Amino acid sequence: MTDPEYARFFKYFDEEEVAKTVEPVLGKTRRHFVILATLLGCGGKEEFEVRLPQALDASVTPTQVREIVYQGTAYLGMGRVRGFVDIMNRVFTSRGVKLPLPDTTEQKDVERVVKGEAAQVEIFGPGMKGFSKSGPEKTVAIRRWLSANCFGDYYVRSGLTLQERELVTFCYLAAQGDTTAQMAAHAAGNLKMGNNEEILIAACLQFAPLLGYPRTLNALAVVEKAAHPAK
């Protein structure tokens, strides 16, 4: 950062106030998951390149980083993720990480649908059974792609647990904005997977220095409704 005054007061807020509030809840590794996924979601390439070495220093593994970046494609699209893949590999190379990392994509096409839909059922409940073939015929392709591609190509990969994947998905959604319906569904999915209200609030608080207050407050409101639907 080229402005020392700005760097000084931002660093104080980020490291002394935010980190010391959220890290006791999230833990160091999961806090960095949230940071990386949030920067992907908002398109923060420059800050991602700064934060990625910090994540690796905090024992986030290259495989975990790769999975966070890859999974972002399902929620952000290649148009926004390609540049992050290049940054990731550039940082890995500078730190002596042998590339490419081991390939974990082995399932056949039919397995993508079956395994992806099984992940949807585990996260969202039995109402997701048969999702890939449900609904109007004219839009059945998008539901099949959600099962086969979003969940079958990304969620079922090794490297991150389903619980961790749901948390980073919530971060992608909160960071890009205009995703209230999807945030609500994935807030509920997070709660079902064991990311309780305290964890989700801590993730939202970590958004503040990265996304600013409007999107942080929007995400907190979604978490409140998901955790207390009767209110």
Foldseek 3Di string as FASTA:
>chain_A
DPDVVVVVVLCCCQPVPLCVVQCVPQPLQLLLLLVLLLCLLQLVQVVNLVSVVVNVVSVQDLLLSVLSLVLVCVVPNPVSRVSVVVSSVVVCVVVPNDPDDDDQDDDDQVQLLVQLLVLVCQQQHPVSVVQLQDDDPVPSNVSSCCSRPNRSVRVPTPDDDNLSVLLSVLSSQLNNDPRLVVNLSSLLSNVSVPCNLSNQLSSLSSCCSVRNDPSSVSSNVSNVCSNCVVD
